[in-house]
Amino acid sequence: MAYKITASCVSCGSCMPECPVTAIKEGTPFVIDAAKCIDCGACANVCPVEAIKA
């Protein structure tokens, strides 16, 4: 199952460079493309507000 970014996202962008498959798109909140996500968790590990959930 792909990771998801919740409404608590502050759109800081710290997750984008961590994604090895460029599955994260800018927005408010940011969005993870479930078809591209490889469930690595790199984005969730750097989120300062813990807005990214498995």
PDB file of N, CA and C in Angstrom:
ATOM      1  N   MET A   1       0.846  -1.184   0.000  1.00  0.00           N
ATOM      2  CA  MET A   1       0.000   0.000   0.000  1.00  0.00           C
ATOM      3  C   MET A   1       0.890   1.247   0.000  1.00  0.00           C
ATOM      4  N   ALA A   2       0.555   2.205  -0.796  1.00  0.00           N
ATOM      5  CA  ALA A   2       1.335   3.439  -0.924  1.00  0.00           C
ATOM      6  C   ALA A   2       1.165   4.325   0.308  1.00  0.00           C
ATOM      7  N   TYR A   3       2.194   5.110   0.564  1.00  0.00           N
ATOM      8  CA  TYR A   3       2.113   6.106   1.633  1.00  0.00           C
ATOM      9  C   TYR A   3       1.153   7.208   1.194  1.00  0.00           C
ATOM     10  N   LYS A   4       0.591   7.912   2.184  1.00  0.00           N
ATOM     11  CA  LYS A   4      -0.324   9.028   1.905  1.00  0.00           C
ATOM     12  C   LYS A   4       0.085  10.223   2.746  1.00  0.00           C
ATOM     13  N   ILE A   5      -0.151  11.401   2.201  1.00  0.00           N
ATOM     14  CA  ILE A   5       0.133  12.631   2.933  1.00  0.00           C
ATOM     15  C   ILE A   5      -1.188  13.181   3.453  1.00  0.00           C
ATOM     16  N   THR A   6      -1.254  13.394   4.749  1.00  0.00           N
ATOM     17  CA  THR A   6      -2.488  13.838   5.383  1.00  0.00           C
ATOM     18  C   THR A   6      -2.638  15.360   5.321  1.00  0.00           C
ATOM     19  N   ALA A   7      -3.773  15.830   5.770  1.00  0.00           N
ATOM     20  CA  ALA A   7      -4.085  17.258   5.760  1.00  0.00           C
ATOM     21  C   ALA A   7      -3.177  18.063   6.688  1.00  0.00           C
ATOM     22  N   SER A   8      -2.448  17.391   7.569  1.00  0.00           N
ATOM     23  CA  SER A   8      -1.543  18.127   8.458  1.00  0.00           C
ATOM     24  C   SER A   8      -0.244  18.542   7.763  1.00  0.00           C
ATOM     25  N   CYS A   9      -0.104  18.216   6.487  1.00  0.00           N
ATOM     26  CA  CYS A   9       1.059  18.627   5.684  1.00  0.00           C
ATOM     27  C   CYS A   9       1.152  20.152   5.659  1.00  0.00           C
ATOM     28  N   VAL A  10       2.373  20.666   5.885  1.00  0.00           N
ATOM     29  CA  VAL A  10       2.604  22.110   5.863  1.00  0.00           C
ATOM     30  C   VAL A  10       3.281  22.552   4.561  1.00  0.00           C
ATOM     31  N   SER A  11       3.350  21.645   3.593  1.00  0.00           N
ATOM     32  CA  SER A  11       3.913  21.924   2.260  1.00  0.00           C
ATOM     33  C   SER A  11       5.328  22.484   2.326  1.00  0.00           C
ATOM     34  N   CYS A  12       6.144  21.922   3.198  1.00  0.00           N
ATOM     35  CA  CYS A  12       7.522  22.405   3.355  1.00  0.00           C
ATOM     36  C   CYS A  12       8.456  21.896   2.251  1.00  0.00           C
ATOM     37  N   GLY A  13       8.102  20.762   1.653  1.00  0.00           N
ATOM     38  CA  GLY A  13       8.899  20.220   0.560  1.00  0.00           C
ATOM     39  C   GLY A  13      10.035  19.308   0.972  1.00  0.00           C
ATOM     40  N   SER A  14      10.202  19.046   2.256  1.00  0.00           N
ATOM     41  CA  SER A  14      11.323  18.201   2.690  1.00  0.00           C
ATOM     42  C   SER A  14      11.215  16.771   2.178  1.00  0.00           C
ATOM     43  N   CYS A  15      10.040  16.321   1.876  1.00  0.00           N
ATOM     44  CA  CYS A  15       9.840  14.948   1.412  1.00  0.00           C
ATOM     45  C   CYS A  15      10.228  14.733  -0.054  1.00  0.00           C
ATOM     46  N   MET A  16      10.053  15.737  -0.873  1.00  0.00           N
ATOM     47  CA  MET A  16      10.262  15.571  -2.320  1.00  0.00           C
ATOM     48  C   MET A  16      11.648  15.055  -2.705  1.00  0.00           C
ATOM     49  N   PRO A  17      12.733  15.646  -2.216  1.00  0.00           N
ATOM     50  CA  PRO A  17      14.052  15.148  -2.633  1.00  0.00           C
ATOM     51  C   PRO A  17      14.380  13.757  -2.094  1.00  0.00           C
ATOM     52  N   GLU A  18      13.654  13.298  -1.090  1.00  0.00           N
ATOM     53  CA  GLU A  18      13.904  11.979  -0.504  1.00  0.00           C
ATOM     54  C   GLU A  18      13.283  10.844  -1.305  1.00  0.00           C
ATOM     55  N   CYS A  19      12.304  11.138  -2.140  1.00  0.00           N
ATOM     56  CA  CYS A  19      11.594  10.096  -2.889  1.00  0.00           C
ATOM     57  C   CYS A  19      12.446   9.613  -4.070  1.00  0.00           C
ATOM     58  N   PRO A  20      12.849   8.330  -4.056  1.00  0.00           N
ATOM     59  CA  PRO A  20      13.702   7.812  -5.131  1.00  0.00           C
ATOM     60  C   PRO A  20      12.985   7.618  -6.462  1.00  0.00           C
ATOM     61  N   VAL A  21      11.656   7.667  -6.450  1.00  0.00           N
ATOM     62  CA  VAL A  21      10.894   7.453  -7.688  1.00  0.00           C
ATOM     63  C   VAL A  21      10.066   8.676  -8.090  1.00  0.00           C
ATOM     64  N   THR A  22      10.361   9.825  -7.515  1.00  0.00           N
ATOM     65  CA  THR A  22       9.660  11.096  -7.777  1.00  0.00           C
ATOM     66  C   THR A  22       8.138  10.939  -7.809  1.00  0.00           C
ATOM     67  N   ALA A  23       7.610  10.331  -6.749  1.00  0.00           N
ATOM     68  CA  ALA A  23       6.174  10.090  -6.656  1.00  0.00           C
ATOM     69  C   ALA A  23       5.422  11.218  -5.956  1.00  0.00           C
ATOM     70  N   ILE A  24       6.131  12.221  -5.446  1.00  0.00           N
ATOM     71  CA  ILE A  24       5.496  13.288  -4.671  1.00  0.00           C
ATOM     72  C   ILE A  24       5.335  14.537  -5.520  1.00  0.00           C
ATOM     73  N   LYS A  25       4.125  15.080  -5.496  1.00  0.00           N
ATOM     74  CA  LYS A  25       3.804  16.294  -6.251  1.00  0.00           C
ATOM     75  C   LYS A  25       3.481  17.418  -5.276  1.00  0.00           C
ATOM     76  N   GLU A  26       3.892  18.640  -5.654  1.00  0.00           N
ATOM     77  CA  GLU A  26       3.620  19.814  -4.819  1.00  0.00           C
ATOM     78  C   GLU A  26       2.137  20.109  -4.759  1.00  0.00           C
ATOM     79  N   GLY A  27       1.733  20.713  -3.659  1.00  0.00           N
ATOM     80  CA  GLY A  27       0.344  21.103  -3.465  1.00  0.00           C
ATOM     81  C   GLY A  27       0.116  21.431  -2.012  1.00  0.00           C
ATOM     82  N   THR A  28      -1.118  21.673  -1.665  1.00  0.00           N
ATOM     83  CA  THR A  28      -1.482  21.939  -0.279  1.00  0.00           C
ATOM     84  C   THR A  28      -2.669  21.059   0.071  1.00  0.00           C
ATOM     85  N   PRO A  29      -2.470  19.877   0.605  1.00  0.00           N
ATOM     86  CA  PRO A  29      -1.179  19.275   0.938  1.00  0.00           C
ATOM     87  C   PRO A  29      -0.491  18.672  -0.295  1.00  0.00           C
ATOM     88  N   PHE A  30       0.772  18.299  -0.120  1.00  0.00           N
ATOM     89  CA  PHE A  30       1.476  17.572  -1.170  1.00  0.00           C
ATOM     90  C   PHE A  30       0.751  16.237  -1.396  1.00  0.00           C
ATOM     91  N   VAL A  31       0.992  15.598  -2.540  1.00  0.00           N
ATOM     92  CA  VAL A  31       0.295  14.357  -2.879  1.00  0.00           C
ATOM     93  C   VAL A  31       1.305  13.307  -3.330  1.00  0.00           C
ATOM     94  N   ILE A  32       1.085  12.062  -2.917  1.00  0.00           N
ATOM     95  CA  ILE A  32       1.920  10.946  -3.358  1.00  0.00           C
ATOM     96  C   ILE A  32       1.155  10.158  -4.407  1.00  0.00           C
ATOM     97  N   ASP A  33       1.772   9.937  -5.556  1.00  0.00           N
ATOM     98  CA  ASP A  33       1.185   9.135  -6.628  1.00  0.00           C
ATOM     99  C   ASP A  33       1.289   7.671  -6.213  1.00  0.00           C
ATOM    100  N   ALA A  34       0.158   7.066  -5.881  1.00  0.00           N
ATOM    101  CA  ALA A  34       0.136   5.693  -5.387  1.00  0.00           C
ATOM    102  C   ALA A  34       0.682   4.699  -6.405  1.00  0.00           C
ATOM    103  N   ALA A  35       0.537   5.001  -7.688  1.00  0.00           N
ATOM    104  CA  ALA A  35       1.036   4.097  -8.724  1.00  0.00           C
ATOM    105  C   ALA A  35       2.562   4.082  -8.792  1.00  0.00           C
ATOM    106  N   LYS A  36       3.201   5.167  -8.363  1.00  0.00           N
ATOM    107  CA  LYS A  36       4.665   5.262  -8.390  1.00  0.00           C
ATOM    108  C   LYS A  36       5.314   4.877  -7.069  1.00  0.00           C
ATOM    109  N   CYS A  37       4.607   5.064  -5.968  1.00  0.00           N
ATOM    110  CA  CYS A  37       5.164   4.843  -4.629  1.00  0.00           C
ATOM    111  C   CYS A  37       5.628   3.395  -4.457  1.00  0.00           C
ATOM    112  N   ILE A  38       6.858   3.229  -3.939  1.00  0.00           N
ATOM    113  CA  ILE A  38       7.412   1.898  -3.720  1.00  0.00           C
ATOM    114  C   ILE A  38       7.451   1.525  -2.226  1.00  0.00           C
ATOM    115  N   ASP A  39       6.739   2.268  -1.412  1.00  0.00           N
ATOM    116  CA  ASP A  39       6.613   1.992   0.025  1.00  0.00           C
ATOM    117  C   ASP A  39       7.939   1.966   0.773  1.00  0.00           C
ATOM    118  N   CYS A  40       8.872   2.808   0.386  1.00  0.00           N
ATOM    119  CA  CYS A  40      10.178   2.795   1.046  1.00  0.00           C
ATOM    120  C   CYS A  40      10.175   3.549   2.367  1.00  0.00           C
ATOM    121  N   GLY A  41       9.273   4.523   2.521  1.00  0.00           N
ATOM    122  CA  GLY A  41       9.180   5.278   3.767  1.00  0.00           C
ATOM    123  C   GLY A  41      10.165   6.414   3.923  1.00  0.00           C
ATOM    124  N   ALA A  42      10.974   6.668   2.909  1.00  0.00           N
ATOM    125  CA  ALA A  42      11.970   7.743   3.005  1.00  0.00           C
ATOM    126  C   ALA A  42      11.304   9.090   3.263  1.00  0.00           C
ATOM    127  N   CYS A  43      10.174   9.330   2.639  1.00  0.00           N
ATOM    128  CA  CYS A  43       9.462  10.599   2.814  1.00  0.00           C
ATOM    129  C   CYS A  43       8.952  10.760   4.244  1.00  0.00           C
ATOM    130  N   ALA A  44       8.389   9.701   4.779  1.00  0.00           N
ATOM    131  CA  ALA A  44       7.840   9.751   6.134  1.00  0.00           C
ATOM    132  C   ALA A  44       8.931   9.994   7.168  1.00  0.00           C
ATOM    133  N   ASN A  45      10.119   9.474   6.912  1.00  0.00           N
ATOM    134  CA  ASN A  45      11.223   9.624   7.859  1.00  0.00           C
ATOM    135  C   ASN A  45      11.704  11.062   8.000  1.00  0.00           C
ATOM    136  N   VAL A  46      11.477  11.899   6.993  1.00  0.00           N
ATOM    137  CA  VAL A  46      11.956  13.284   7.057  1.00  0.00           C
ATOM    138  C   VAL A  46      10.860  14.320   7.306  1.00  0.00           C
ATOM    139  N   CYS A  47       9.617  13.893   7.347  1.00  0.00           N
ATOM    140  CA  CYS A  47       8.508  14.840   7.528  1.00  0.00           C
ATOM    141  C   CYS A  47       8.543  15.447   8.933  1.00  0.00           C
ATOM    142  N   PRO A  48       8.695  16.775   9.034  1.00  0.00           N
ATOM    143  CA  PRO A  48       8.809  17.408  10.352  1.00  0.00           C
ATOM    144  C   PRO A  48       7.505  17.429  11.149  1.00  0.00           C
ATOM    145  N   VAL A  49       6.370  17.223  10.485  1.00  0.00           N
ATOM    146  CA  VAL A  49       5.090  17.257  11.193  1.00  0.00           C
ATOM    147  C   VAL A  49       4.387  15.898  11.185  1.00  0.00           C
ATOM    148  N   GLU A  50       5.104  14.859  10.764  1.00  0.00           N
ATOM    149  CA  GLU A  50       4.581  13.490  10.711  1.00  0.00           C
ATOM    150  C   GLU A  50       3.260  13.396   9.961  1.00  0.00           C
ATOM    151  N   ALA A  51       3.197  14.084   8.813  1.00  0.00           N
ATOM    152  CA  ALA A  51       1.979  14.110   8.002  1.00  0.00           C
ATOM    153  C   ALA A  51       1.893  12.955   7.011  1.00  0.00           C
ATOM    154  N   ILE A  52       2.950  12.157   6.898  1.00  0.00           N
ATOM    155  CA  ILE A  52       2.971  11.067   5.915  1.00  0.00           C
ATOM    156  C   ILE A  52       2.773   9.747   6.641  1.00  0.00           C
ATOM    157  N   LYS A  53       1.749   9.021   6.217  1.00  0.00           N
ATOM    158  CA  LYS A  53       1.372   7.773   6.881  1.00  0.00           C
ATOM    159  C   LYS A  53       1.376   6.609   5.903  1.00  0.00           C
ATOM    160  N   ALA A  54       1.690   5.434   6.416  1.00  0.00           N
ATOM    161  CA  ALA A  54       1.683   4.208   5.613  1.00  0.00           C
ATOM    162  C   ALA A  54       0.262   3.723   5.418  1.00  0.00           C
TER     163      ALA A  54
END
